[in-house]
Amino acid sequence: QVQLVESGGGLVQPGGSLRLSCTASGSIKSINVMGWYRQAPGKQRDLVASVTSGGSTSYGDSVKDRFTISRDNAKNTVYLQMNSLKPEDTAVYYCNADILFGTIWGNRERRYWGQGTQVTVSS
């Protein structure tokens, strides 16, 4: 089975930085896109950033120039470096990954989600 485990959330003051990590483990043949979403109380889950296996990245408008997504394909890990954090960045952050795995019927791809990690930006 495939599992995504996140780490790195916490409480930080406005203007501070945090680095989130998310590692995929299990019966993985390859990983296509990996990304981060966030969900604040009472709001929908929105894309923060994503990165393809080739390293192409995309960002939500509210985090451009402040957040950086990267990945280590050898470790099946995606990172989110968050700088210049603002109170409006407070949310539960979820990682996801589009993972190719084998079955008796052949290869299949499915999107998996992590359990979420809380990021709180407050003085």
PDB file of N, CA and C in Angstrom:
ATOM      1  N   GLN A   1       0.835  -1.198   0.000  1.00  0.00           N
ATOM      2  CA  GLN A   1       0.000   0.000   0.000  1.00  0.00           C
ATOM      3  C   GLN A   1       0.865   1.240   0.000  1.00  0.00           C
ATOM      4  N   VAL A   2       0.304   2.333  -0.485  1.00  0.00           N
ATOM      5  CA  VAL A   2       1.036   3.590  -0.578  1.00  0.00           C
ATOM      6  C   VAL A   2       0.621   4.510   0.558  1.00  0.00           C
ATOM      7  N   GLN A   3       1.590   5.205   1.105  1.00  0.00           N
ATOM      8  CA  GLN A   3       1.337   6.135   2.197  1.00  0.00           C
ATOM      9  C   GLN A   3       2.143   7.400   1.980  1.00  0.00           C
ATOM     10  N   LEU A   4       1.526   8.559   2.259  1.00  0.00           N
ATOM     11  CA  LEU A   4       2.214   9.849   2.239  1.00  0.00           C
ATOM     12  C   LEU A   4       2.262  10.375   3.672  1.00  0.00           C
ATOM     13  N   VAL A   5       3.453  10.725   4.124  1.00  0.00           N
ATOM     14  CA  VAL A   5       3.616  11.235   5.485  1.00  0.00           C
ATOM     15  C   VAL A   5       4.246  12.613   5.418  1.00  0.00           C
ATOM     16  N   GLU A   6       3.560  13.594   6.028  1.00  0.00           N
ATOM     17  CA  GLU A   6       4.020  14.977   6.030  1.00  0.00           C
ATOM     18  C   GLU A   6       4.674  15.314   7.363  1.00  0.00           C
ATOM     19  N   SER A   7       5.537  16.320   7.327  1.00  0.00           N
ATOM     20  CA  SER A   7       6.144  16.840   8.547  1.00  0.00           C
ATOM     21  C   SER A   7       6.544  18.284   8.319  1.00  0.00           C
ATOM     22  N   GLY A   8       6.797  18.993   9.428  1.00  0.00           N
ATOM     23  CA  GLY A   8       7.344  20.340   9.324  1.00  0.00           C
ATOM     24  C   GLY A   8       6.390  21.471   9.651  1.00  0.00           C
ATOM     25  N   GLY A   9       5.136  21.176   9.925  1.00  0.00           N
ATOM     26  CA  GLY A   9       4.220  22.257  10.268  1.00  0.00           C
ATOM     27  C   GLY A   9       4.480  22.785  11.665  1.00  0.00           C
ATOM     28  N   GLY A  10       3.764  23.857  12.024  1.00  0.00           N
ATOM     29  CA  GLY A  10       3.918  24.419  13.350  1.00  0.00           C
ATOM     30  C   GLY A  10       3.464  25.849  13.414  1.00  0.00           C
ATOM     31  N   LEU A  11       3.876  26.506  14.497  1.00  0.00           N
ATOM     32  CA  LEU A  11       3.531  27.910  14.746  1.00  0.00           C
ATOM     33  C   LEU A  11       4.731  28.781  14.408  1.00  0.00           C
ATOM     34  N   VAL A  12       4.493  29.848  13.660  1.00  0.00           N
ATOM     35  CA  VAL A  12       5.571  30.754  13.280  1.00  0.00           C
ATOM     36  C   VAL A  12       5.031  32.177  13.273  1.00  0.00           C
ATOM     37  N   GLN A  13       5.895  33.125  13.552  1.00  0.00           N
ATOM     38  CA  GLN A  13       5.495  34.525  13.542  1.00  0.00           C
ATOM     39  C   GLN A  13       5.417  35.063  12.116  1.00  0.00           C
ATOM     40  N   PRO A  14       4.611  36.088  11.896  1.00  0.00           N
ATOM     41  CA  PRO A  14       4.572  36.710  10.569  1.00  0.00           C
ATOM     42  C   PRO A  14       5.970  37.124  10.115  1.00  0.00           C
ATOM     43  N   GLY A  15       6.242  36.856   8.840  1.00  0.00           N
ATOM     44  CA  GLY A  15       7.560  37.134   8.300  1.00  0.00           C
ATOM     45  C   GLY A  15       8.532  35.978   8.432  1.00  0.00           C
ATOM     46  N   GLY A  16       8.156  34.964   9.178  1.00  0.00           N
ATOM     47  CA  GLY A  16       9.032  33.820   9.398  1.00  0.00           C
ATOM     48  C   GLY A  16       8.969  32.801   8.279  1.00  0.00           C
ATOM     49  N   SER A  17       9.684  31.690   8.492  1.00  0.00           N
ATOM     50  CA  SER A  17       9.791  30.641   7.483  1.00  0.00           C
ATOM     51  C   SER A  17       9.509  29.279   8.088  1.00  0.00           C
ATOM     52  N   LEU A  18       9.018  28.387   7.250  1.00  0.00           N
ATOM     53  CA  LEU A  18       8.841  26.982   7.600  1.00  0.00           C
ATOM     54  C   LEU A  18       9.143  26.151   6.367  1.00  0.00           C
ATOM     55  N   ARG A  19       9.566  24.898   6.606  1.00  0.00           N
ATOM     56  CA  ARG A  19       9.783  23.963   5.508  1.00  0.00           C
ATOM     57  C   ARG A  19       8.974  22.705   5.762  1.00  0.00           C
ATOM     58  N   LEU A  20       8.096  22.392   4.837  1.00  0.00           N
ATOM     59  CA  LEU A  20       7.305  21.176   4.921  1.00  0.00           C
ATOM     60  C   LEU A  20       7.944  20.082   4.073  1.00  0.00           C
ATOM     61  N   SER A  21       7.808  18.849   4.544  1.00  0.00           N
ATOM     62  CA  SER A  21       8.292  17.691   3.799  1.00  0.00           C
ATOM     63  C   SER A  21       7.174  16.665   3.700  1.00  0.00           C
ATOM     64  N   CYS A  22       7.197  15.890   2.628  1.00  0.00           N
ATOM     65  CA  CYS A  22       6.220  14.833   2.445  1.00  0.00           C
ATOM     66  C   CYS A  22       6.892  13.690   1.698  1.00  0.00           C
ATOM     67  N   THR A  23       6.876  12.504   2.307  1.00  0.00           N
ATOM     68  CA  THR A  23       7.529  11.340   1.718  1.00  0.00           C
ATOM     69  C   THR A  23       6.509  10.255   1.399  1.00  0.00           C
ATOM     70  N   ALA A  24       6.592   9.743   0.195  1.00  0.00           N
ATOM     71  CA  ALA A  24       5.731   8.646  -0.230  1.00  0.00           C
ATOM     72  C   ALA A  24       6.466   7.326  -0.052  1.00  0.00           C
ATOM     73  N   SER A  25       5.741   6.318   0.427  1.00  0.00           N
ATOM     74  CA  SER A  25       6.337   5.002   0.616  1.00  0.00           C
ATOM     75  C   SER A  25       5.326   3.932   0.225  1.00  0.00           C
ATOM     76  N   GLY A  26       5.848   2.721  -0.043  1.00  0.00           N
ATOM     77  CA  GLY A  26       4.969   1.618  -0.416  1.00  0.00           C
ATOM     78  C   GLY A  26       5.335   1.074  -1.779  1.00  0.00           C
ATOM     79  N   SER A  27       4.364   0.426  -2.406  1.00  0.00           N
ATOM     80  CA  SER A  27       4.578  -0.223  -3.699  1.00  0.00           C
ATOM     81  C   SER A  27       4.453   0.811  -4.820  1.00  0.00           C
ATOM     82  N   ILE A  28       5.534   1.531  -5.055  1.00  0.00           N
ATOM     83  CA  ILE A  28       5.542   2.647  -6.002  1.00  0.00           C
ATOM     84  C   ILE A  28       6.413   2.304  -7.194  1.00  0.00           C
ATOM     85  N   LYS A  29       5.852   2.433  -8.382  1.00  0.00           N
ATOM     86  CA  LYS A  29       6.668   2.276  -9.583  1.00  0.00           C
ATOM     87  C   LYS A  29       7.260   3.604 -10.013  1.00  0.00           C
ATOM     88  N   SER A  30       6.452   4.636  -9.968  1.00  0.00           N
ATOM     89  CA  SER A  30       6.932   5.977 -10.281  1.00  0.00           C
ATOM     90  C   SER A  30       5.921   6.985  -9.766  1.00  0.00           C
ATOM     91  N   ILE A  31       6.375   8.232  -9.671  1.00  0.00           N
ATOM     92  CA  ILE A  31       5.501   9.319  -9.227  1.00  0.00           C
ATOM     93  C   ILE A  31       5.507  10.398 -10.282  1.00  0.00           C
ATOM     94  N   ASN A  32       4.335  10.808 -10.705  1.00  0.00           N
ATOM     95  CA  ASN A  32       4.244  11.869 -11.695  1.00  0.00           C
ATOM     96  C   ASN A  32       4.274  13.216 -10.976  1.00  0.00           C
ATOM     97  N   VAL A  33       3.126  13.840 -10.832  1.00  0.00           N
ATOM     98  CA  VAL A  33       3.073  15.148 -10.182  1.00  0.00           C
ATOM     99  C   VAL A  33       2.983  14.988  -8.669  1.00  0.00           C
ATOM    100  N   MET A  34       3.703  15.842  -7.952  1.00  0.00           N
ATOM    101  CA  MET A  34       3.581  15.967  -6.502  1.00  0.00           C
ATOM    102  C   MET A  34       3.220  17.407  -6.192  1.00  0.00           C
ATOM    103  N   GLY A  35       2.441  17.605  -5.155  1.00  0.00           N
ATOM    104  CA  GLY A  35       2.010  18.969  -4.884  1.00  0.00           C
ATOM    105  C   GLY A  35       1.569  19.184  -3.456  1.00  0.00           C
ATOM    106  N   TRP A  36       1.285  20.443  -3.179  1.00  0.00           N
ATOM    107  CA  TRP A  36       0.783  20.863  -1.875  1.00  0.00           C
ATOM    108  C   TRP A  36      -0.505  21.651  -2.067  1.00  0.00           C
ATOM    109  N   TYR A  37      -1.486  21.359  -1.242  1.00  0.00           N
ATOM    110  CA  TYR A  37      -2.736  22.100  -1.165  1.00  0.00           C
ATOM    111  C   TYR A  37      -2.884  22.597   0.267  1.00  0.00           C
ATOM    112  N   ARG A  38      -3.760  23.560   0.456  1.00  0.00           N
ATOM    113  CA  ARG A  38      -4.047  24.004   1.814  1.00  0.00           C
ATOM    114  C   ARG A  38      -5.532  24.316   1.956  1.00  0.00           C
ATOM    115  N   GLN A  39      -5.994  24.179   3.195  1.00  0.00           N
ATOM    116  CA  GLN A  39      -7.400  24.430   3.487  1.00  0.00           C
ATOM    117  C   GLN A  39      -7.513  25.151   4.816  1.00  0.00           C
ATOM    118  N   ALA A  40      -8.037  26.373   4.756  1.00  0.00           N
ATOM    119  CA  ALA A  40      -8.298  27.144   5.961  1.00  0.00           C
ATOM    120  C   ALA A  40      -9.721  26.836   6.440  1.00  0.00           C
ATOM    121  N   PRO A  41     -10.006  27.085   7.720  1.00  0.00           N
ATOM    122  CA  PRO A  41     -11.350  26.796   8.247  1.00  0.00           C
ATOM    123  C   PRO A  41     -12.430  27.504   7.446  1.00  0.00           C
ATOM    124  N   GLY A  42     -13.440  26.748   7.027  1.00  0.00           N
ATOM    125  CA  GLY A  42     -14.562  27.321   6.301  1.00  0.00           C
ATOM    126  C   GLY A  42     -14.286  27.624   4.841  1.00  0.00           C
ATOM    127  N   LYS A  43     -13.112  27.228   4.344  1.00  0.00           N
ATOM    128  CA  LYS A  43     -12.763  27.522   2.948  1.00  0.00           C
ATOM    129  C   LYS A  43     -12.477  26.227   2.204  1.00  0.00           C
ATOM    130  N   GLN A  44     -12.449  26.322   0.879  1.00  0.00           N
ATOM    131  CA  GLN A  44     -12.152  25.154   0.076  1.00  0.00           C
ATOM    132  C   GLN A  44     -10.652  24.882   0.073  1.00  0.00           C
ATOM    133  N   ARG A  45     -10.322  23.663  -0.353  1.00  0.00           N
ATOM    134  CA  ARG A  45      -8.913  23.288  -0.461  1.00  0.00           C
ATOM    135  C   ARG A  45      -8.371  23.847  -1.771  1.00  0.00           C
ATOM    136  N   ASP A  46      -7.284  24.614  -1.665  1.00  0.00           N
ATOM    137  CA  ASP A  46      -6.714  25.274  -2.829  1.00  0.00           C
ATOM    138  C   ASP A  46      -5.299  24.791  -3.105  1.00  0.00           C
ATOM    139  N   LEU A  47      -4.920  24.829  -4.370  1.00  0.00           N
ATOM    140  CA  LEU A  47      -3.562  24.479  -4.760  1.00  0.00           C
ATOM    141  C   LEU A  47      -2.583  25.532  -4.264  1.00  0.00           C
ATOM    142  N   VAL A  48      -1.493  25.073  -3.658  1.00  0.00           N
ATOM    143  CA  VAL A  48      -0.403  25.964  -3.266  1.00  0.00           C
ATOM    144  C   VAL A  48       0.696  25.908  -4.324  1.00  0.00           C
ATOM    145  N   ALA A  49       1.150  24.696  -4.620  1.00  0.00           N
ATOM    146  CA  ALA A  49       2.219  24.525  -5.603  1.00  0.00           C
ATOM    147  C   ALA A  49       2.268  23.071  -6.038  1.00  0.00           C
ATOM    148  N   SER A  50       2.811  22.839  -7.240  1.00  0.00           N
ATOM    149  CA  SER A  50       2.997  21.480  -7.711  1.00  0.00           C
ATOM    150  C   SER A  50       4.288  21.390  -8.513  1.00  0.00           C
ATOM    151  N   VAL A  51       4.805  20.165  -8.637  1.00  0.00           N
ATOM    152  CA  VAL A  51       6.050  19.942  -9.375  1.00  0.00           C
ATOM    153  C   VAL A  51       5.958  18.597 -10.078  1.00  0.00           C
ATOM    154  N   THR A  52       6.354  18.573 -11.347  1.00  0.00           N
ATOM    155  CA  THR A  52       6.341  17.325 -12.102  1.00  0.00           C
ATOM    156  C   THR A  52       7.620  16.539 -11.831  1.00  0.00           C
ATOM    157  N   SER A  53       7.656  15.307 -12.323  1.00  0.00           N
ATOM    158  CA  SER A  53       8.852  14.489 -12.145  1.00  0.00           C
ATOM    159  C   SER A  53      10.049  15.096 -12.857  1.00  0.00           C
ATOM    160  N   GLY A  54       9.792  15.907 -13.870  1.00  0.00           N
ATOM    161  CA  GLY A  54      10.868  16.567 -14.591  1.00  0.00           C
ATOM    162  C   GLY A  54      11.300  17.888 -13.997  1.00  0.00           C
ATOM    163  N   GLY A  55      10.580  18.327 -12.962  1.00  0.00           N
ATOM    164  CA  GLY A  55      10.978  19.544 -12.264  1.00  0.00           C
ATOM    165  C   GLY A  55      10.204  20.796 -12.639  1.00  0.00           C
ATOM    166  N   SER A  56       9.215  20.687 -13.506  1.00  0.00           N
ATOM    167  CA  SER A  56       8.406  21.856 -13.843  1.00  0.00           C
ATOM    168  C   SER A  56       7.471  22.188 -12.688  1.00  0.00           C
ATOM    169  N   THR A  57       7.400  23.468 -12.346  1.00  0.00           N
ATOM    170  CA  THR A  57       6.642  23.888 -11.176  1.00  0.00           C
ATOM    171  C   THR A  57       5.517  24.855 -11.547  1.00  0.00           C
ATOM    172  N   SER A  58       4.513  24.891 -10.683  1.00  0.00           N
ATOM    173  CA  SER A  58       3.457  25.894 -10.787  1.00  0.00           C
ATOM    174  C   SER A  58       3.048  26.289  -9.384  1.00  0.00           C
ATOM    175  N   TYR A  59       2.555  27.529  -9.235  1.00  0.00           N
ATOM    176  CA  TYR A  59       2.233  28.092  -7.933  1.00  0.00           C
ATOM    177  C   TYR A  59       0.887  28.799  -7.954  1.00  0.00           C
ATOM    178  N   GLY A  60       0.222  28.792  -6.793  1.00  0.00           N
ATOM    179  CA  GLY A  60      -0.943  29.635  -6.634  1.00  0.00           C
ATOM    180  C   GLY A  60      -0.514  31.086  -6.584  1.00  0.00           C
ATOM    181  N   ASP A  61      -1.382  31.975  -7.035  1.00  0.00           N
ATOM    182  CA  ASP A  61      -1.012  33.389  -7.129  1.00  0.00           C
ATOM    183  C   ASP A  61      -0.619  33.984  -5.781  1.00  0.00           C
ATOM    184  N   SER A  62      -1.254  33.536  -4.715  1.00  0.00           N
ATOM    185  CA  SER A  62      -1.013  34.152  -3.410  1.00  0.00           C
ATOM    186  C   SER A  62       0.336  33.779  -2.802  1.00  0.00           C
ATOM    187  N   VAL A  63       1.015  32.781  -3.358  1.00  0.00           N
ATOM    188  CA  VAL A  63       2.282  32.334  -2.761  1.00  0.00           C
ATOM    189  C   VAL A  63       3.476  32.524  -3.687  1.00  0.00           C
ATOM    190  N   LYS A  64       3.224  32.984  -4.894  1.00  0.00           N
ATOM    191  CA  LYS A  64       4.333  33.198  -5.819  1.00  0.00           C
ATOM    192  C   LYS A  64       5.358  34.139  -5.212  1.00  0.00           C
ATOM    193  N   ASP A  65       6.615  33.862  -5.432  1.00  0.00           N
ATOM    194  CA  ASP A  65       7.745  34.666  -4.950  1.00  0.00           C
ATOM    195  C   ASP A  65       7.983  34.534  -3.452  1.00  0.00           C
ATOM    196  N   ARG A  66       7.153  33.756  -2.752  1.00  0.00           N
ATOM    197  CA  ARG A  66       7.390  33.524  -1.321  1.00  0.00           C
ATOM    198  C   ARG A  66       7.628  32.045  -1.012  1.00  0.00           C
ATOM    199  N   PHE A  67       6.967  31.164  -1.750  1.00  0.00           N
ATOM    200  CA  PHE A  67       7.087  29.731  -1.517  1.00  0.00           C
ATOM    201  C   PHE A  67       7.870  29.086  -2.658  1.00  0.00           C
ATOM    202  N   THR A  68       8.596  28.026  -2.330  1.00  0.00           N
ATOM    203  CA  THR A  68       9.333  27.268  -3.337  1.00  0.00           C
ATOM    204  C   THR A  68       9.078  25.778  -3.137  1.00  0.00           C
ATOM    205  N   ILE A  69       8.638  25.112  -4.188  1.00  0.00           N
ATOM    206  CA  ILE A  69       8.429  23.670  -4.137  1.00  0.00           C
ATOM    207  C   ILE A  69       9.600  22.980  -4.817  1.00  0.00           C
ATOM    208  N   SER A  70      10.000  21.845  -4.262  1.00  0.00           N
ATOM    209  CA  SER A  70      11.070  21.052  -4.859  1.00  0.00           C
ATOM    210  C   SER A  70      10.820  19.583  -4.516  1.00  0.00           C
ATOM    211  N   ARG A  71      11.556  18.700  -5.178  1.00  0.00           N
ATOM    212  CA  ARG A  71      11.395  17.283  -4.889  1.00  0.00           C
ATOM    213  C   ARG A  71      12.692  16.534  -5.074  1.00  0.00           C
ATOM    214  N   ASP A  72      12.804  15.443  -4.354  1.00  0.00           N
ATOM    215  CA  ASP A  72      13.929  14.534  -4.479  1.00  0.00           C
ATOM    216  C   ASP A  72      13.351  13.213  -4.981  1.00  0.00           C
ATOM    217  N   ASN A  73      13.516  12.944  -6.264  1.00  0.00           N
ATOM    218  CA  ASN A  73      12.899  11.749  -6.846  1.00  0.00           C
ATOM    219  C   ASN A  73      13.464  10.459  -6.251  1.00  0.00           C
ATOM    220  N   ALA A  74      14.724  10.477  -5.890  1.00  0.00           N
ATOM    221  CA  ALA A  74      15.335   9.273  -5.316  1.00  0.00           C
ATOM    222  C   ALA A  74      14.734   8.926  -3.959  1.00  0.00           C
ATOM    223  N   LYS A  75      14.237   9.952  -3.261  1.00  0.00           N
ATOM    224  CA  LYS A  75      13.668   9.744  -1.924  1.00  0.00           C
ATOM    225  C   LYS A  75      12.144   9.790  -1.935  1.00  0.00           C
ATOM    226  N   ASN A  76      11.536   9.964  -3.118  1.00  0.00           N
ATOM    227  CA  ASN A  76      10.070  10.083  -3.227  1.00  0.00           C
ATOM    228  C   ASN A  76       9.533  11.154  -2.279  1.00  0.00           C
ATOM    229  N   THR A  77      10.238  12.261  -2.216  1.00  0.00           N
ATOM    230  CA  THR A  77       9.916  13.312  -1.256  1.00  0.00           C
ATOM    231  C   THR A  77       9.719  14.648  -1.966  1.00  0.00           C
ATOM    232  N   VAL A  78       8.708  15.377  -1.501  1.00  0.00           N
ATOM    233  CA  VAL A  78       8.467  16.723  -1.987  1.00  0.00           C
ATOM    234  C   VAL A  78       8.577  17.689  -0.810  1.00  0.00           C
ATOM    235  N   TYR A  79       9.129  18.868  -1.079  1.00  0.00           N
ATOM    236  CA  TYR A  79       9.344  19.880  -0.052  1.00  0.00           C
ATOM    237  C   TYR A  79       8.590  21.161  -0.422  1.00  0.00           C
ATOM    238  N   LEU A  80       8.254  21.933   0.612  1.00  0.00           N
ATOM    239  CA  LEU A  80       7.681  23.254   0.390  1.00  0.00           C
ATOM    240  C   LEU A  80       8.382  24.212   1.337  1.00  0.00           C
ATOM    241  N   GLN A  81       9.220  25.059   0.785  1.00  0.00           N
ATOM    242  CA  GLN A  81       9.896  26.101   1.560  1.00  0.00           C
ATOM    243  C   GLN A  81       9.000  27.328   1.550  1.00  0.00           C
ATOM    244  N   MET A  82       8.589  27.749   2.732  1.00  0.00           N
ATOM    245  CA  MET A  82       7.665  28.874   2.858  1.00  0.00           C
ATOM    246  C   MET A  82       8.368  30.026   3.564  1.00  0.00           C
ATOM    247  N   ASN A  83       8.537  31.131   2.883  1.00  0.00           N
ATOM    248  CA  ASN A  83       9.185  32.323   3.432  1.00  0.00           C
ATOM    249  C   ASN A  83       8.201  33.474   3.493  1.00  0.00           C
ATOM    250  N   SER A  84       8.547  34.479   4.267  1.00  0.00           N
ATOM    251  CA  SER A  84       7.709  35.683   4.393  1.00  0.00           C
ATOM    252  C   SER A  84       6.263  35.304   4.693  1.00  0.00           C
ATOM    253  N   LEU A  85       6.090  34.435   5.660  1.00  0.00           N
ATOM    254  CA  LEU A  85       4.753  33.928   5.960  1.00  0.00           C
ATOM    255  C   LEU A  85       3.849  35.017   6.503  1.00  0.00           C
ATOM    256  N   LYS A  86       2.576  34.925   6.143  1.00  0.00           N
ATOM    257  CA  LYS A  86       1.562  35.888   6.544  1.00  0.00           C
ATOM    258  C   LYS A  86       0.462  35.171   7.332  1.00  0.00           C
ATOM    259  N   PRO A  87      -0.284  35.885   8.147  1.00  0.00           N
ATOM    260  CA  PRO A  87      -1.383  35.235   8.873  1.00  0.00           C
ATOM    261  C   PRO A  87      -2.377  34.527   7.949  1.00  0.00           C
ATOM    262  N   GLU A  88      -2.564  35.055   6.755  1.00  0.00           N
ATOM    263  CA  GLU A  88      -3.495  34.424   5.822  1.00  0.00           C
ATOM    264  C   GLU A  88      -2.970  33.115   5.244  1.00  0.00           C
ATOM    265  N   ASP A  89      -1.728  32.774   5.529  1.00  0.00           N
ATOM    266  CA  ASP A  89      -1.191  31.466   5.126  1.00  0.00           C
ATOM    267  C   ASP A  89      -1.585  30.371   6.117  1.00  0.00           C
ATOM    268  N   THR A  90      -2.209  30.765   7.217  1.00  0.00           N
ATOM    269  CA  THR A  90      -2.624  29.782   8.217  1.00  0.00           C
ATOM    270  C   THR A  90      -3.650  28.824   7.626  1.00  0.00           C
ATOM    271  N   ALA A  91      -3.359  27.525   7.725  1.00  0.00           N
ATOM    272  CA  ALA A  91      -4.221  26.499   7.134  1.00  0.00           C
ATOM    273  C   ALA A  91      -3.649  25.124   7.467  1.00  0.00           C
ATOM    274  N   VAL A  92      -4.416  24.096   7.142  1.00  0.00           N
ATOM    275  CA  VAL A  92      -3.880  22.741   7.122  1.00  0.00           C
ATOM    276  C   VAL A  92      -3.333  22.500   5.716  1.00  0.00           C
ATOM    277  N   TYR A  93      -2.087  22.077   5.659  1.00  0.00           N
ATOM    278  CA  TYR A  93      -1.416  21.843   4.386  1.00  0.00           C
ATOM    279  C   TYR A  93      -1.383  20.342   4.102  1.00  0.00           C
ATOM    280  N   TYR A  94      -1.821  19.985   2.896  1.00  0.00           N
ATOM    281  CA  TYR A  94      -1.876  18.590   2.476  1.00  0.00           C
ATOM    282  C   TYR A  94      -0.956  18.382   1.278  1.00  0.00           C
ATOM    283  N   CYS A  95      -0.191  17.314   1.307  1.00  0.00           N
ATOM    284  CA  CYS A  95       0.566  16.976   0.105  1.00  0.00           C
ATOM    285  C   CYS A  95      -0.210  15.919  -0.674  1.00  0.00           C
ATOM    286  N   ASN A  96       0.050  15.860  -1.971  1.00  0.00           N
ATOM    287  CA  ASN A  96      -0.513  14.786  -2.779  1.00  0.00           C
ATOM    288  C   ASN A  96       0.495  14.337  -3.814  1.00  0.00           C
ATOM    289  N   ALA A  97       0.234  13.173  -4.359  1.00  0.00           N
ATOM    290  CA  ALA A  97       1.135  12.622  -5.360  1.00  0.00           C
ATOM    291  C   ALA A  97       0.354  11.707  -6.287  1.00  0.00           C
ATOM    292  N   ASP A  98       0.614  11.827  -7.578  1.00  0.00           N
ATOM    293  CA  ASP A  98       0.018  10.935  -8.581  1.00  0.00           C
ATOM    294  C   ASP A  98       0.977   9.775  -8.777  1.00  0.00           C
ATOM    295  N   ILE A  99       0.595   8.620  -8.251  1.00  0.00           N
ATOM    296  CA  ILE A  99       1.514   7.487  -8.124  1.00  0.00           C
ATOM    297  C   ILE A  99       1.100   6.332  -9.023  1.00  0.00           C
ATOM    298  N   LEU A 100       2.083   5.800  -9.749  1.00  0.00           N
ATOM    299  CA  LEU A 100       1.891   4.629 -10.596  1.00  0.00           C
ATOM    300  C   LEU A 100       2.262   3.388  -9.797  1.00  0.00           C
ATOM    301  N   PHE A 101       1.362   2.426  -9.728  1.00  0.00           N
ATOM    302  CA  PHE A 101       1.626   1.192  -8.994  1.00  0.00           C
ATOM    303  C   PHE A 101       1.146   0.014  -9.833  1.00  0.00           C
ATOM    304  N   GLY A 102       1.666  -1.155  -9.495  1.00  0.00           N
ATOM    305  CA  GLY A 102       1.336  -2.345 -10.258  1.00  0.00           C
ATOM    306  C   GLY A 102       0.183  -3.124  -9.645  1.00  0.00           C
ATOM    307  N   THR A 103      -0.636  -3.716 -10.497  1.00  0.00           N
ATOM    308  CA  THR A 103      -1.690  -4.620 -10.062  1.00  0.00           C
ATOM    309  C   THR A 103      -1.631  -5.853 -10.956  1.00  0.00           C
ATOM    310  N   ILE A 104      -2.418  -6.861 -10.627  1.00  0.00           N
ATOM    311  CA  ILE A 104      -2.434  -8.069 -11.451  1.00  0.00           C
ATOM    312  C   ILE A 104      -3.019  -7.775 -12.821  1.00  0.00           C
ATOM    313  N   TRP A 105      -3.687  -6.634 -12.940  1.00  0.00           N
ATOM    314  CA  TRP A 105      -4.274  -6.253 -14.225  1.00  0.00           C
ATOM    315  C   TRP A 105      -3.397  -5.271 -14.994  1.00  0.00           C
ATOM    316  N   GLY A 106      -2.248  -4.958 -14.427  1.00  0.00           N
ATOM    317  CA  GLY A 106      -1.366  -3.997 -15.071  1.00  0.00           C
ATOM    318  C   GLY A 106      -1.134  -2.786 -14.194  1.00  0.00           C
ATOM    319  N   ASN A 107      -0.435  -1.805 -14.745  1.00  0.00           N
ATOM    320  CA  ASN A 107      -0.144  -0.599 -13.972  1.00  0.00           C
ATOM    321  C   ASN A 107      -1.372   0.304 -13.887  1.00  0.00           C
ATOM    322  N   ARG A 108      -1.479   0.955 -12.738  1.00  0.00           N
ATOM    323  CA  ARG A 108      -2.559   1.919 -12.508  1.00  0.00           C
ATOM    324  C   ARG A 108      -1.963   3.174 -11.886  1.00  0.00           C
ATOM    325  N   GLU A 109      -2.611   4.310 -12.114  1.00  0.00           N
ATOM    326  CA  GLU A 109      -2.183   5.557 -11.473  1.00  0.00           C
ATOM    327  C   GLU A 109      -3.322   6.076 -10.620  1.00  0.00           C
ATOM    328  N   ARG A 110      -2.955   6.585  -9.446  1.00  0.00           N
ATOM    329  CA  ARG A 110      -3.955   7.097  -8.520  1.00  0.00           C
ATOM    330  C   ARG A 110      -3.366   8.256  -7.752  1.00  0.00           C
ATOM    331  N   ARG A 111      -4.187   9.226  -7.378  1.00  0.00           N
ATOM    332  CA  ARG A 111      -3.745  10.346  -6.549  1.00  0.00           C
ATOM    333  C   ARG A 111      -3.903   9.977  -5.081  1.00  0.00           C
ATOM    334  N   TYR A 112      -2.818  10.101  -4.351  1.00  0.00           N
ATOM    335  CA  TYR A 112      -2.833   9.866  -2.909  1.00  0.00           C
ATOM    336  C   TYR A 112      -2.651  11.183  -2.169  1.00  0.00           C
ATOM    337  N   TRP A 113      -3.190  11.227  -0.946  1.00  0.00           N
ATOM    338  CA  TRP A 113      -3.121  12.426  -0.118  1.00  0.00           C
ATOM    339  C   TRP A 113      -2.475  12.090   1.227  1.00  0.00           C
ATOM    340  N   GLY A 114      -1.740  13.068   1.758  1.00  0.00           N
ATOM    341  CA  GLY A 114      -1.241  12.950   3.113  1.00  0.00           C
ATOM    342  C   GLY A 114      -2.327  13.300   4.121  1.00  0.00           C
ATOM    343  N   GLN A 115      -1.993  13.176   5.412  1.00  0.00           N
ATOM    344  CA  GLN A 115      -2.972  13.388   6.465  1.00  0.00           C
ATOM    345  C   GLN A 115      -3.142  14.864   6.801  1.00  0.00           C
ATOM    346  N   GLY A 116      -2.248  15.702   6.340  1.00  0.00           N
ATOM    347  CA  GLY A 116      -2.321  17.129   6.611  1.00  0.00           C
ATOM    348  C   GLY A 116      -1.452  17.536   7.785  1.00  0.00           C
ATOM    349  N   THR A 117      -0.892  18.731   7.698  1.00  0.00           N
ATOM    350  CA  THR A 117      -0.093  19.289   8.785  1.00  0.00           C
ATOM    351  C   THR A 117      -0.503  20.744   8.977  1.00  0.00           C
ATOM    352  N   GLN A 118      -0.671  21.132  10.228  1.00  0.00           N
ATOM    353  CA  GLN A 118      -1.159  22.474  10.544  1.00  0.00           C
ATOM    354  C   GLN A 118      -0.022  23.488  10.474  1.00  0.00           C
ATOM    355  N   VAL A 119      -0.282  24.591   9.790  1.00  0.00           N
ATOM    356  CA  VAL A 119       0.625  25.739   9.765  1.00  0.00           C
ATOM    357  C   VAL A 119      -0.152  26.931  10.311  1.00  0.00           C
ATOM    358  N   THR A 120       0.383  27.522  11.363  1.00  0.00           N
ATOM    359  CA  THR A 120      -0.256  28.686  11.979  1.00  0.00           C
ATOM    360  C   THR A 120       0.723  29.849  11.986  1.00  0.00           C
ATOM    361  N   VAL A 121       0.308  30.960  11.410  1.00  0.00           N
ATOM    362  CA  VAL A 121       1.150  32.157  11.362  1.00  0.00           C
ATOM    363  C   VAL A 121       0.488  33.213  12.246  1.00  0.00           C
ATOM    364  N   SER A 122       1.123  33.492  13.352  1.00  0.00           N
ATOM    365  CA  SER A 122       0.525  34.404  14.336  1.00  0.00           C
ATOM    366  C   SER A 122       1.600  34.966  15.241  1.00  0.00           C
ATOM    367  N   SER A 123       1.381  36.205  15.692  1.00  0.00           N
ATOM    368  CA  SER A 123       2.307  36.817  16.645  1.00  0.00           C
ATOM    369  C   SER A 123       1.820  36.590  18.072  1.00  0.00           C
TER     370      SER A 123
END
